[in-house]
Amino acid sequence: MTTSPLFQLDGVHFAYESERPVLAGADFVLHATEKVALVGANGAGKTTLFHLMVGLVLPQAGRVIAFGAECRREADFHPVRARTGLLFQDSDDQLFCPTVVEDVAFGPLNQGCSRAQARNLATEALDLVGLSGFEDRVTHKLSGGQKRLVALATILAMKPQVLLLDEPTNGLDRDARARLLRVLDGLPQALVMISHDDDALAALTRRRVTLENGRLSG
């Protein structure tokens, strides 16, 4: 028996300006455990595709089906975001609490965990990304690479089924990058990754799709 996809985009259209479509009939399917590289030129719409998948913007035509349910309105995407970890391209868009542990525990708290459970999940996620002991550090004083790893921990603490990673190795030094790749390579979740780091894509993904002229191929 074939299992249904985690995500399915059928003929999706989206434009910020009507005369300049970003997506023009894009189709995409993601199955459980798949590791996919999403590539394309700068400005092709890769980040917009991620935002459509979790409902940060809504399609102007076509269908977004996530975890077996069609999503048409903002409310339809609430359960999708609980099951999908989106790593933003800029970590400062993801981190807004005073301390590291508050940032990482924020998602589990919103999922209904107790404060003790959320802190345990946060501590576990920080340990996974190599930042054990950073719990009480002030987030905005961290280096860019450290913020990147904290942002990843905020996602992992929520135990998502799908990871959408937008330039995850940006700002990381060699050691932090190597640690990040080890962490991601060991995760069981389905993964879609945007990156200009070809070596990272080769190490972590098994299928490549290209976004060009508003459509996906591959």
N, C-alpha and C. Protein backbone atom coordinates (compact mmCIF):
# COMPACT_ATOMS: atom_id res chain seq x y z
N MET A 1 0.84 -1.19 0.00
CA MET A 1 0.00 0.00 0.00
C MET A 1 0.88 1.25 0.00
N THR A 2 0.61 2.18 -0.89
CA THR A 2 1.40 3.40 -0.98
C THR A 2 0.89 4.42 0.03
N THR A 3 1.82 5.00 0.80
CA THR A 3 1.42 6.03 1.76
C THR A 3 1.25 7.36 1.04
N SER A 4 0.36 8.19 1.56
CA SER A 4 0.13 9.49 0.94
C SER A 4 1.30 10.42 1.24
N PRO A 5 1.55 11.39 0.37
CA PRO A 5 2.68 12.31 0.58
C PRO A 5 2.47 13.17 1.83
N LEU A 6 3.58 13.64 2.38
CA LEU A 6 3.50 14.61 3.47
C LEU A 6 3.06 15.97 2.93
N PHE A 7 3.60 16.34 1.77
CA PHE A 7 3.21 17.59 1.09
C PHE A 7 2.96 17.30 -0.38
N GLN A 8 1.97 17.96 -0.92
CA GLN A 8 1.70 17.90 -2.35
C GLN A 8 1.24 19.28 -2.81
N LEU A 9 1.97 19.86 -3.75
CA LEU A 9 1.59 21.13 -4.35
C LEU A 9 1.17 20.86 -5.78
N ASP A 10 -0.04 21.27 -6.12
CA ASP A 10 -0.59 21.04 -7.46
C ASP A 10 -0.86 22.37 -8.14
N GLY A 11 -0.09 22.68 -9.19
CA GLY A 11 -0.35 23.86 -10.01
C GLY A 11 -0.41 25.16 -9.24
N VAL A 12 0.51 25.34 -8.32
CA VAL A 12 0.48 26.51 -7.44
C VAL A 12 0.99 27.76 -8.17
N HIS A 13 0.22 28.82 -8.03
CA HIS A 13 0.59 30.14 -8.57
C HIS A 13 0.70 31.14 -7.43
N PHE A 14 1.71 32.00 -7.53
CA PHE A 14 1.84 33.08 -6.55
C PHE A 14 2.67 34.20 -7.15
N ALA A 15 2.25 35.44 -6.88
CA ALA A 15 3.00 36.61 -7.32
C ALA A 15 2.86 37.72 -6.28
N TYR A 16 3.97 38.37 -5.97
CA TYR A 16 3.90 39.56 -5.12
C TYR A 16 3.40 40.75 -5.94
N GLU A 17 3.76 40.76 -7.23
CA GLU A 17 3.28 41.76 -8.18
C GLU A 17 2.68 41.00 -9.36
N SER A 18 1.49 41.38 -9.77
CA SER A 18 0.75 40.56 -10.74
C SER A 18 1.50 40.34 -12.04
N GLU A 19 2.31 41.31 -12.45
CA GLU A 19 3.01 41.18 -13.73
C GLU A 19 4.30 40.38 -13.60
N ARG A 20 4.65 39.99 -12.37
CA ARG A 20 5.90 39.24 -12.17
C ARG A 20 5.64 38.02 -11.31
N PRO A 21 5.09 36.95 -11.89
CA PRO A 21 4.80 35.75 -11.10
C PRO A 21 6.06 35.11 -10.54
N VAL A 22 5.99 34.66 -9.30
CA VAL A 22 7.09 33.93 -8.67
C VAL A 22 6.92 32.44 -8.93
N LEU A 23 5.70 31.94 -8.74
CA LEU A 23 5.36 30.55 -9.02
C LEU A 23 4.25 30.53 -10.05
N ALA A 24 4.40 29.72 -11.06
CA ALA A 24 3.45 29.72 -12.17
C ALA A 24 3.11 28.28 -12.55
N GLY A 25 2.33 27.64 -11.69
CA GLY A 25 1.96 26.26 -11.94
C GLY A 25 2.95 25.26 -11.37
N ALA A 26 3.46 25.56 -10.17
CA ALA A 26 4.47 24.70 -9.55
C ALA A 26 3.84 23.44 -8.97
N ASP A 27 4.46 22.30 -9.25
CA ASP A 27 4.04 21.01 -8.70
C ASP A 27 5.20 20.44 -7.89
N PHE A 28 4.88 19.86 -6.74
CA PHE A 28 5.91 19.29 -5.88
C PHE A 28 5.29 18.26 -4.96
N VAL A 29 6.00 17.15 -4.75
CA VAL A 29 5.53 16.10 -3.84
C VAL A 29 6.69 15.71 -2.94
N LEU A 30 6.40 15.62 -1.64
CA LEU A 30 7.40 15.20 -0.66
C LEU A 30 6.84 14.03 0.14
N HIS A 31 7.57 12.92 0.14
CA HIS A 31 7.18 11.73 0.89
C HIS A 31 8.00 11.60 2.17
N ALA A 32 7.50 10.82 3.08
CA ALA A 32 8.20 10.58 4.34
C ALA A 32 9.61 10.06 4.07
N THR A 33 10.56 10.54 4.86
CA THR A 33 11.99 10.19 4.86
C THR A 33 12.76 10.73 3.65
N GLU A 34 12.09 11.40 2.70
CA GLU A 34 12.82 11.95 1.54
C GLU A 34 13.73 13.09 1.96
N LYS A 35 14.88 13.18 1.31
CA LYS A 35 15.85 14.26 1.52
C LYS A 35 16.04 14.96 0.17
N VAL A 36 15.53 16.18 0.06
CA VAL A 36 15.42 16.85 -1.23
C VAL A 36 16.20 18.16 -1.22
N ALA A 37 16.98 18.39 -2.27
CA ALA A 37 17.64 19.67 -2.50
C ALA A 37 16.75 20.52 -3.40
N LEU A 38 16.47 21.74 -2.99
CA LEU A 38 15.71 22.69 -3.79
C LEU A 38 16.67 23.76 -4.29
N VAL A 39 16.91 23.75 -5.60
CA VAL A 39 17.91 24.65 -6.17
C VAL A 39 17.27 25.56 -7.21
N GLY A 40 17.98 26.63 -7.52
CA GLY A 40 17.50 27.60 -8.49
C GLY A 40 18.25 28.90 -8.31
N ALA A 41 18.14 29.78 -9.28
CA ALA A 41 18.85 31.05 -9.23
C ALA A 41 18.33 31.92 -8.09
N ASN A 42 19.14 32.87 -7.66
CA ASN A 42 18.67 33.84 -6.68
C ASN A 42 17.42 34.54 -7.22
N GLY A 43 16.41 34.64 -6.37
CA GLY A 43 15.17 35.29 -6.78
C GLY A 43 14.21 34.39 -7.52
N ALA A 44 14.56 33.10 -7.64
CA ALA A 44 13.68 32.17 -8.38
C ALA A 44 12.38 31.88 -7.63
N GLY A 45 12.38 32.07 -6.31
CA GLY A 45 11.16 31.81 -5.54
C GLY A 45 11.27 30.66 -4.56
N LYS A 46 12.48 30.21 -4.28
CA LYS A 46 12.66 29.05 -3.41
C LYS A 46 12.14 29.32 -1.99
N THR A 47 12.51 30.46 -1.43
CA THR A 47 12.02 30.80 -0.09
C THR A 47 10.51 30.97 -0.10
N THR A 48 9.98 31.58 -1.14
CA THR A 48 8.52 31.74 -1.25
C THR A 48 7.83 30.38 -1.27
N LEU A 49 8.42 29.40 -1.92
CA LEU A 49 7.84 28.06 -1.94
C LEU A 49 7.74 27.51 -0.52
N PHE A 50 8.79 27.66 0.26
CA PHE A 50 8.75 27.24 1.67
C PHE A 50 7.63 27.95 2.42
N HIS A 51 7.53 29.25 2.21
CA HIS A 51 6.50 30.03 2.92
C HIS A 51 5.10 29.58 2.53
N LEU A 52 4.92 29.19 1.27
CA LEU A 52 3.62 28.66 0.83
C LEU A 52 3.32 27.32 1.50
N MET A 53 4.33 26.51 1.69
CA MET A 53 4.11 25.19 2.26
C MET A 53 3.61 25.26 3.70
N VAL A 54 3.98 26.33 4.41
CA VAL A 54 3.53 26.45 5.81
C VAL A 54 2.51 27.58 6.00
N GLY A 55 2.06 28.18 4.89
CA GLY A 55 0.97 29.15 4.97
C GLY A 55 1.36 30.55 5.39
N LEU A 56 2.65 30.91 5.31
CA LEU A 56 3.03 32.29 5.59
C LEU A 56 2.56 33.21 4.47
N VAL A 57 2.42 32.65 3.28
CA VAL A 57 1.68 33.29 2.18
C VAL A 57 0.76 32.21 1.61
N LEU A 58 -0.35 32.63 1.02
CA LEU A 58 -1.35 31.69 0.51
C LEU A 58 -1.30 31.67 -1.01
N PRO A 59 -1.49 30.50 -1.62
CA PRO A 59 -1.47 30.43 -3.09
C PRO A 59 -2.63 31.20 -3.70
N GLN A 60 -2.36 31.80 -4.85
CA GLN A 60 -3.41 32.54 -5.56
C GLN A 60 -4.16 31.64 -6.53
N ALA A 61 -3.61 30.48 -6.79
CA ALA A 61 -4.27 29.43 -7.58
C ALA A 61 -3.54 28.14 -7.28
N GLY A 62 -4.19 27.01 -7.54
CA GLY A 62 -3.60 25.73 -7.26
C GLY A 62 -3.92 25.26 -5.85
N ARG A 63 -3.33 24.11 -5.48
CA ARG A 63 -3.66 23.50 -4.19
C ARG A 63 -2.39 23.17 -3.40
N VAL A 64 -2.47 23.39 -2.10
CA VAL A 64 -1.45 22.93 -1.17
C VAL A 64 -2.11 21.88 -0.28
N ILE A 65 -1.60 20.66 -0.34
CA ILE A 65 -2.12 19.56 0.48
C ILE A 65 -1.00 19.14 1.43
N ALA A 66 -1.25 19.23 2.72
CA ALA A 66 -0.25 18.91 3.72
C ALA A 66 -0.78 17.87 4.68
N PHE A 67 -0.05 16.78 4.83
CA PHE A 67 -0.43 15.70 5.74
C PHE A 67 -1.84 15.20 5.44
N GLY A 68 -2.17 15.15 4.14
CA GLY A 68 -3.44 14.59 3.69
C GLY A 68 -4.61 15.53 3.67
N ALA A 69 -4.41 16.79 4.06
CA ALA A 69 -5.53 17.74 4.10
C ALA A 69 -5.21 18.95 3.22
N GLU A 70 -6.20 19.38 2.42
CA GLU A 70 -6.00 20.58 1.61
C GLU A 70 -6.06 21.81 2.51
N CYS A 71 -5.13 22.73 2.28
CA CYS A 71 -5.03 23.94 3.09
C CYS A 71 -5.37 25.15 2.23
N ARG A 72 -6.45 25.82 2.59
CA ARG A 72 -6.90 26.97 1.81
C ARG A 72 -6.83 28.28 2.57
N ARG A 73 -6.99 28.21 3.89
CA ARG A 73 -7.05 29.41 4.71
C ARG A 73 -5.95 29.36 5.76
N GLU A 74 -5.72 30.51 6.39
CA GLU A 74 -4.72 30.60 7.45
C GLU A 74 -4.94 29.53 8.51
N ALA A 75 -6.18 29.34 8.95
CA ALA A 75 -6.46 28.38 10.01
C ALA A 75 -6.08 26.95 9.62
N ASP A 76 -6.15 26.64 8.33
CA ASP A 76 -5.82 25.29 7.88
C ASP A 76 -4.35 24.97 8.09
N PHE A 77 -3.52 26.01 8.18
CA PHE A 77 -2.07 25.80 8.28
C PHE A 77 -1.58 25.69 9.72
N HIS A 78 -2.43 25.97 10.71
CA HIS A 78 -1.98 25.89 12.10
C HIS A 78 -1.43 24.51 12.44
N PRO A 79 -2.16 23.42 12.13
CA PRO A 79 -1.59 22.09 12.42
C PRO A 79 -0.38 21.76 11.56
N VAL A 80 -0.30 22.35 10.37
CA VAL A 80 0.86 22.10 9.49
C VAL A 80 2.13 22.65 10.13
N ARG A 81 2.04 23.85 10.71
CA ARG A 81 3.22 24.47 11.32
C ARG A 81 3.68 23.71 12.56
N ALA A 82 2.75 23.03 13.22
CA ALA A 82 3.12 22.23 14.38
C ALA A 82 3.92 20.99 13.99
N ARG A 83 3.80 20.59 12.72
CA ARG A 83 4.45 19.37 12.26
C ARG A 83 5.59 19.63 11.27
N THR A 84 5.85 20.92 11.02
CA THR A 84 6.86 21.30 10.03
C THR A 84 7.81 22.32 10.63
N GLY A 85 9.08 22.03 10.61
CA GLY A 85 10.08 22.96 11.13
C GLY A 85 10.70 23.76 10.00
N LEU A 86 10.44 25.07 9.98
CA LEU A 86 11.00 25.96 8.96
C LEU A 86 12.15 26.74 9.56
N LEU A 87 13.35 26.54 9.02
CA LEU A 87 14.51 27.32 9.41
C LEU A 87 14.62 28.50 8.46
N PHE A 88 14.43 29.71 8.99
CA PHE A 88 14.49 30.91 8.17
C PHE A 88 15.92 31.19 7.71
N GLN A 89 16.02 31.90 6.60
CA GLN A 89 17.33 32.24 6.05
C GLN A 89 18.09 33.15 7.01
N ASP A 90 17.39 34.05 7.69
CA ASP A 90 18.00 34.97 8.65
C ASP A 90 17.59 34.55 10.05
N SER A 91 18.54 34.14 10.86
CA SER A 91 18.23 33.64 12.20
C SER A 91 17.56 34.70 13.06
N ASP A 92 17.86 35.98 12.82
CA ASP A 92 17.24 37.04 13.62
C ASP A 92 15.73 37.11 13.40
N ASP A 93 15.22 36.53 12.31
CA ASP A 93 13.77 36.47 12.09
C ASP A 93 13.13 35.37 12.94
N GLN A 94 13.94 34.50 13.52
CA GLN A 94 13.44 33.33 14.23
C GLN A 94 13.62 33.44 15.74
N LEU A 95 14.53 34.28 16.17
CA LEU A 95 14.90 34.36 17.59
C LEU A 95 14.46 35.70 18.15
N PHE A 96 13.65 35.67 19.19
CA PHE A 96 13.09 36.92 19.70
C PHE A 96 12.97 36.96 21.22
N CYS A 97 13.38 35.90 21.90
CA CYS A 97 13.30 35.86 23.36
C CYS A 97 14.62 36.33 23.97
N PRO A 98 14.59 36.74 25.26
CA PRO A 98 15.82 37.24 25.88
C PRO A 98 16.94 36.21 25.98
N THR A 99 16.59 34.97 26.32
CA THR A 99 17.64 33.96 26.52
C THR A 99 17.46 32.80 25.54
N VAL A 100 18.53 32.04 25.40
CA VAL A 100 18.53 30.91 24.47
C VAL A 100 17.47 29.88 24.85
N VAL A 101 17.40 29.51 26.12
CA VAL A 101 16.45 28.47 26.51
C VAL A 101 15.01 28.92 26.30
N GLU A 102 14.73 30.21 26.48
CA GLU A 102 13.38 30.71 26.24
C GLU A 102 13.03 30.61 24.76
N ASP A 103 14.00 30.92 23.90
CA ASP A 103 13.75 30.80 22.46
C ASP A 103 13.46 29.34 22.07
N VAL A 104 14.27 28.41 22.58
CA VAL A 104 14.13 27.02 22.16
C VAL A 104 12.90 26.37 22.79
N ALA A 105 12.52 26.82 23.98
CA ALA A 105 11.34 26.25 24.65
C ALA A 105 10.03 26.85 24.15
N PHE A 106 10.10 27.93 23.40
CA PHE A 106 8.88 28.64 22.98
C PHE A 106 7.95 27.73 22.18
N GLY A 107 8.49 26.99 21.21
CA GLY A 107 7.66 26.11 20.39
C GLY A 107 6.98 25.02 21.19
N PRO A 108 7.73 24.24 21.99
CA PRO A 108 7.08 23.22 22.80
C PRO A 108 6.01 23.79 23.75
N LEU A 109 6.24 24.97 24.32
CA LEU A 109 5.22 25.58 25.17
C LEU A 109 3.95 25.85 24.37
N ASN A 110 4.11 26.34 23.14
CA ASN A 110 2.95 26.59 22.28
C ASN A 110 2.25 25.31 21.87
N GLN A 111 2.96 24.19 21.91
CA GLN A 111 2.36 22.90 21.59
C GLN A 111 1.65 22.28 22.79
N GLY A 112 1.70 22.96 23.93
CA GLY A 112 0.97 22.48 25.10
C GLY A 112 1.82 21.79 26.14
N CYS A 113 3.13 21.78 25.96
CA CYS A 113 3.99 21.17 26.97
C CYS A 113 4.02 22.02 28.24
N SER A 114 4.27 21.36 29.37
CA SER A 114 4.48 22.09 30.61
C SER A 114 5.83 22.80 30.54
N ARG A 115 6.06 23.74 31.46
CA ARG A 115 7.33 24.45 31.46
C ARG A 115 8.50 23.50 31.67
N ALA A 116 8.30 22.50 32.54
CA ALA A 116 9.38 21.53 32.79
C ALA A 116 9.64 20.68 31.54
N GLN A 117 8.57 20.23 30.87
CA GLN A 117 8.73 19.45 29.65
C GLN A 117 9.41 20.27 28.56
N ALA A 118 8.97 21.54 28.42
CA ALA A 118 9.54 22.40 27.38
C ALA A 118 11.02 22.66 27.63
N ARG A 119 11.39 22.86 28.89
CA ARG A 119 12.80 23.08 29.19
C ARG A 119 13.62 21.83 28.91
N ASN A 120 13.08 20.67 29.24
CA ASN A 120 13.79 19.42 28.95
C ASN A 120 14.00 19.24 27.45
N LEU A 121 12.95 19.54 26.66
CA LEU A 121 13.08 19.43 25.20
C LEU A 121 14.09 20.44 24.67
N ALA A 122 14.09 21.64 25.25
CA ALA A 122 15.03 22.67 24.83
C ALA A 122 16.46 22.25 25.14
N THR A 123 16.68 21.72 26.34
CA THR A 123 18.01 21.27 26.73
C THR A 123 18.50 20.15 25.83
N GLU A 124 17.60 19.23 25.51
CA GLU A 124 17.93 18.10 24.62
C GLU A 124 18.31 18.60 23.23
N ALA A 125 17.55 19.56 22.70
CA ALA A 125 17.82 20.09 21.36
C ALA A 125 19.14 20.86 21.33
N LEU A 126 19.41 21.64 22.37
CA LEU A 126 20.67 22.38 22.43
C LEU A 126 21.86 21.44 22.52
N ASP A 127 21.71 20.36 23.26
CA ASP A 127 22.77 19.37 23.34
C ASP A 127 23.02 18.73 21.97
N LEU A 128 21.93 18.49 21.25
CA LEU A 128 22.05 17.86 19.93
C LEU A 128 22.85 18.71 18.96
N VAL A 129 22.67 20.05 19.03
CA VAL A 129 23.40 20.93 18.10
C VAL A 129 24.73 21.42 18.68
N GLY A 130 25.13 20.86 19.82
CA GLY A 130 26.43 21.19 20.37
C GLY A 130 26.47 22.45 21.20
N LEU A 131 25.34 22.89 21.71
CA LEU A 131 25.28 24.13 22.51
C LEU A 131 24.82 23.86 23.94
N SER A 132 25.14 22.71 24.46
CA SER A 132 24.84 22.43 25.87
C SER A 132 25.55 23.46 26.74
N GLY A 133 24.83 24.00 27.73
CA GLY A 133 25.39 25.03 28.59
C GLY A 133 25.09 26.44 28.13
N PHE A 134 24.44 26.58 26.97
CA PHE A 134 24.10 27.91 26.45
C PHE A 134 22.72 28.38 26.91
N GLU A 135 22.04 27.59 27.75
CA GLU A 135 20.64 27.87 28.07
C GLU A 135 20.40 29.31 28.52
N ASP A 136 21.25 29.83 29.37
CA ASP A 136 21.00 31.15 29.96
C ASP A 136 21.77 32.27 29.27
N ARG A 137 22.36 31.96 28.13
CA ARG A 137 23.05 33.02 27.37
C ARG A 137 22.03 33.96 26.75
N VAL A 138 22.42 35.21 26.57
CA VAL A 138 21.55 36.21 25.93
C VAL A 138 21.63 36.01 24.42
N THR A 139 20.48 35.73 23.81
CA THR A 139 20.48 35.32 22.41
C THR A 139 21.11 36.37 21.50
N HIS A 140 20.75 37.64 21.69
CA HIS A 140 21.20 38.64 20.71
C HIS A 140 22.69 38.93 20.81
N LYS A 141 23.35 38.40 21.84
CA LYS A 141 24.79 38.60 21.98
C LYS A 141 25.60 37.45 21.38
N LEU A 142 24.93 36.44 20.87
CA LEU A 142 25.64 35.30 20.28
C LEU A 142 26.22 35.67 18.92
N SER A 143 27.18 34.89 18.47
CA SER A 143 27.71 35.06 17.12
C SER A 143 26.67 34.61 16.10
N GLY A 144 26.89 34.98 14.85
CA GLY A 144 25.96 34.58 13.80
C GLY A 144 25.83 33.07 13.69
N GLY A 145 26.97 32.36 13.80
CA GLY A 145 26.93 30.91 13.70
C GLY A 145 26.20 30.28 14.88
N GLN A 146 26.42 30.82 16.08
CA GLN A 146 25.72 30.31 17.25
C GLN A 146 24.21 30.54 17.14
N LYS A 147 23.83 31.70 16.63
CA LYS A 147 22.39 31.97 16.42
C LYS A 147 21.80 30.97 15.44
N ARG A 148 22.58 30.60 14.43
CA ARG A 148 22.09 29.65 13.43
C ARG A 148 21.77 28.31 14.10
N LEU A 149 22.65 27.87 14.98
CA LEU A 149 22.45 26.60 15.66
C LEU A 149 21.30 26.68 16.67
N VAL A 150 21.16 27.82 17.34
CA VAL A 150 20.02 27.99 18.24
C VAL A 150 18.71 27.96 17.45
N ALA A 151 18.69 28.62 16.29
CA ALA A 151 17.49 28.60 15.46
C ALA A 151 17.13 27.18 15.05
N LEU A 152 18.13 26.37 14.72
CA LEU A 152 17.86 24.97 14.39
C LEU A 152 17.32 24.23 15.62
N ALA A 153 17.88 24.52 16.78
CA ALA A 153 17.39 23.88 18.01
C ALA A 153 15.93 24.23 18.28
N THR A 154 15.51 25.46 17.97
CA THR A 154 14.11 25.84 18.19
C THR A 154 13.17 24.94 17.38
N ILE A 155 13.64 24.52 16.21
CA ILE A 155 12.84 23.64 15.35
C ILE A 155 12.87 22.21 15.88
N LEU A 156 14.05 21.72 16.20
CA LEU A 156 14.19 20.33 16.62
C LEU A 156 13.46 20.06 17.93
N ALA A 157 13.38 21.06 18.79
CA ALA A 157 12.68 20.89 20.07
C ALA A 157 11.20 20.59 19.88
N MET A 158 10.65 20.95 18.74
CA MET A 158 9.22 20.73 18.47
C MET A 158 8.94 19.35 17.87
N LYS A 159 10.00 18.57 17.62
CA LYS A 159 9.87 17.22 17.07
C LYS A 159 9.02 17.19 15.79
N PRO A 160 9.39 17.99 14.79
CA PRO A 160 8.58 18.04 13.57
C PRO A 160 8.75 16.79 12.72
N GLN A 161 7.80 16.58 11.80
CA GLN A 161 7.90 15.47 10.85
C GLN A 161 8.64 15.87 9.57
N VAL A 162 8.66 17.18 9.29
CA VAL A 162 9.30 17.70 8.07
C VAL A 162 10.19 18.87 8.46
N LEU A 163 11.37 18.94 7.85
CA LEU A 163 12.28 20.07 8.03
C LEU A 163 12.42 20.81 6.71
N LEU A 164 12.19 22.12 6.74
CA LEU A 164 12.41 22.99 5.59
C LEU A 164 13.55 23.93 5.96
N LEU A 165 14.70 23.74 5.35
CA LEU A 165 15.92 24.42 5.77
C LEU A 165 16.36 25.41 4.70
N ASP A 166 16.35 26.68 5.04
CA ASP A 166 16.70 27.75 4.10
C ASP A 166 18.12 28.22 4.42
N GLU A 167 19.08 27.79 3.62
CA GLU A 167 20.50 28.13 3.77
C GLU A 167 20.99 27.82 5.19
N PRO A 168 20.90 26.56 5.63
CA PRO A 168 21.24 26.24 7.02
C PRO A 168 22.70 26.43 7.40
N THR A 169 23.62 26.38 6.43
CA THR A 169 25.04 26.52 6.77
C THR A 169 25.54 27.96 6.72
N ASN A 170 24.65 28.89 6.40
CA ASN A 170 25.06 30.30 6.35
C ASN A 170 25.65 30.75 7.68
N GLY A 171 26.80 31.41 7.62
CA GLY A 171 27.38 32.01 8.81
C GLY A 171 28.10 31.07 9.74
N LEU A 172 28.23 29.81 9.36
CA LEU A 172 28.88 28.84 10.24
C LEU A 172 30.36 28.69 9.89
N ASP A 173 31.19 28.61 10.93
CA ASP A 173 32.60 28.30 10.68
C ASP A 173 32.73 26.80 10.40
N ARG A 174 33.93 26.36 10.12
CA ARG A 174 34.13 24.98 9.67
C ARG A 174 33.63 23.96 10.69
N ASP A 175 33.97 24.18 11.97
CA ASP A 175 33.60 23.22 13.00
C ASP A 175 32.08 23.19 13.21
N ALA A 176 31.47 24.37 13.25
CA ALA A 176 30.01 24.43 13.44
C ALA A 176 29.28 23.84 12.25
N ARG A 177 29.81 24.09 11.06
CA ARG A 177 29.20 23.52 9.85
C ARG A 177 29.26 22.00 9.90
N ALA A 178 30.42 21.47 10.28
CA ALA A 178 30.58 20.01 10.35
C ALA A 178 29.62 19.42 11.39
N ARG A 179 29.46 20.11 12.52
CA ARG A 179 28.53 19.64 13.54
C ARG A 179 27.11 19.65 13.02
N LEU A 180 26.73 20.73 12.36
CA LEU A 180 25.38 20.83 11.80
C LEU A 180 25.10 19.71 10.82
N LEU A 181 26.05 19.44 9.93
CA LEU A 181 25.85 18.38 8.94
C LEU A 181 25.72 17.02 9.60
N ARG A 182 26.49 16.79 10.67
CA ARG A 182 26.36 15.52 11.39
C ARG A 182 24.98 15.39 12.01
N VAL A 183 24.50 16.48 12.60
CA VAL A 183 23.17 16.45 13.23
C VAL A 183 22.10 16.17 12.18
N LEU A 184 22.12 16.92 11.09
CA LEU A 184 21.08 16.77 10.07
C LEU A 184 21.14 15.40 9.40
N ASP A 185 22.34 14.89 9.21
CA ASP A 185 22.48 13.58 8.57
C ASP A 185 21.91 12.46 9.43
N GLY A 186 21.86 12.68 10.73
CA GLY A 186 21.35 11.65 11.62
C GLY A 186 19.86 11.74 11.91
N LEU A 187 19.18 12.73 11.35
CA LEU A 187 17.77 12.92 11.65
C LEU A 187 16.90 12.07 10.72
N PRO A 188 15.78 11.54 11.24
CA PRO A 188 14.92 10.69 10.43
C PRO A 188 13.89 11.45 9.59
N GLN A 189 13.70 12.72 9.89
CA GLN A 189 12.62 13.46 9.25
C GLN A 189 12.85 13.66 7.75
N ALA A 190 11.73 13.81 7.03
CA ALA A 190 11.82 14.29 5.65
C ALA A 190 12.42 15.69 5.68
N LEU A 191 13.16 16.02 4.64
CA LEU A 191 13.93 17.26 4.65
C LEU A 191 13.94 17.86 3.25
N VAL A 192 13.72 19.17 3.18
CA VAL A 192 13.93 19.92 1.94
C VAL A 192 14.90 21.04 2.29
N MET A 193 15.92 21.20 1.47
CA MET A 193 17.01 22.12 1.81
C MET A 193 17.34 23.03 0.64
N ILE A 194 17.34 24.32 0.93
CA ILE A 194 17.84 25.34 0.01
C ILE A 194 19.26 25.68 0.45
N SER A 195 20.21 25.65 -0.46
CA SER A 195 21.57 26.01 -0.08
C SER A 195 22.42 26.30 -1.30
N HIS A 196 23.36 27.24 -1.15
CA HIS A 196 24.39 27.44 -2.15
C HIS A 196 25.63 26.61 -1.82
N ASP A 197 25.55 25.86 -0.73
CA ASP A 197 26.64 24.99 -0.30
C ASP A 197 26.47 23.63 -0.97
N ASP A 198 27.07 23.47 -2.13
CA ASP A 198 26.88 22.24 -2.91
C ASP A 198 27.35 21.00 -2.18
N ASP A 199 28.43 21.14 -1.40
CA ASP A 199 28.93 19.98 -0.66
C ASP A 199 27.92 19.54 0.40
N ALA A 200 27.28 20.49 1.05
CA ALA A 200 26.26 20.17 2.06
C ALA A 200 25.06 19.50 1.40
N LEU A 201 24.64 20.00 0.25
CA LEU A 201 23.53 19.37 -0.47
C LEU A 201 23.87 17.94 -0.87
N ALA A 202 25.09 17.74 -1.33
CA ALA A 202 25.50 16.39 -1.75
C ALA A 202 25.54 15.44 -0.56
N ALA A 203 25.92 15.95 0.60
CA ALA A 203 26.04 15.11 1.78
C ALA A 203 24.68 14.73 2.38
N LEU A 204 23.70 15.63 2.25
CA LEU A 204 22.46 15.46 3.00
C LEU A 204 21.25 15.06 2.16
N THR A 205 21.28 15.30 0.87
CA THR A 205 20.07 15.09 0.06
C THR A 205 20.28 13.99 -0.97
N ARG A 206 19.17 13.41 -1.40
CA ARG A 206 19.21 12.29 -2.34
C ARG A 206 18.45 12.60 -3.63
N ARG A 207 17.68 13.68 -3.64
CA ARG A 207 16.93 14.07 -4.83
C ARG A 207 17.05 15.58 -5.00
N ARG A 208 17.14 16.02 -6.25
CA ARG A 208 17.31 17.43 -6.53
C ARG A 208 16.17 17.91 -7.41
N VAL A 209 15.53 19.00 -6.99
CA VAL A 209 14.51 19.63 -7.82
C VAL A 209 14.93 21.07 -8.08
N THR A 210 14.66 21.54 -9.28
CA THR A 210 15.08 22.87 -9.71
C THR A 210 13.86 23.75 -9.93
N LEU A 211 13.89 24.94 -9.35
CA LEU A 211 12.84 25.92 -9.54
C LEU A 211 13.32 26.95 -10.56
N GLU A 212 12.62 26.99 -11.70
CA GLU A 212 12.98 27.89 -12.79
C GLU A 212 11.73 28.33 -13.50
N ASN A 213 11.62 29.64 -13.74
CA ASN A 213 10.45 30.21 -14.42
C ASN A 213 9.15 29.80 -13.75
N GLY A 214 9.18 29.73 -12.43
CA GLY A 214 7.96 29.49 -11.68
C GLY A 214 7.51 28.04 -11.59
N ARG A 215 8.33 27.13 -12.15
CA ARG A 215 7.95 25.71 -12.13
C ARG A 215 9.11 24.86 -11.59
N LEU A 216 8.75 23.70 -11.07
CA LEU A 216 9.72 22.77 -10.51
C LEU A 216 9.94 21.59 -11.45
N SER A 217 11.19 21.17 -11.55
CA SER A 217 11.50 19.98 -12.35
C SER A 217 12.50 19.13 -11.61
N GLY A 218 12.46 17.84 -11.85
CA GLY A 218 13.40 16.93 -11.21
C GLY A 218 12.74 16.06 -10.17
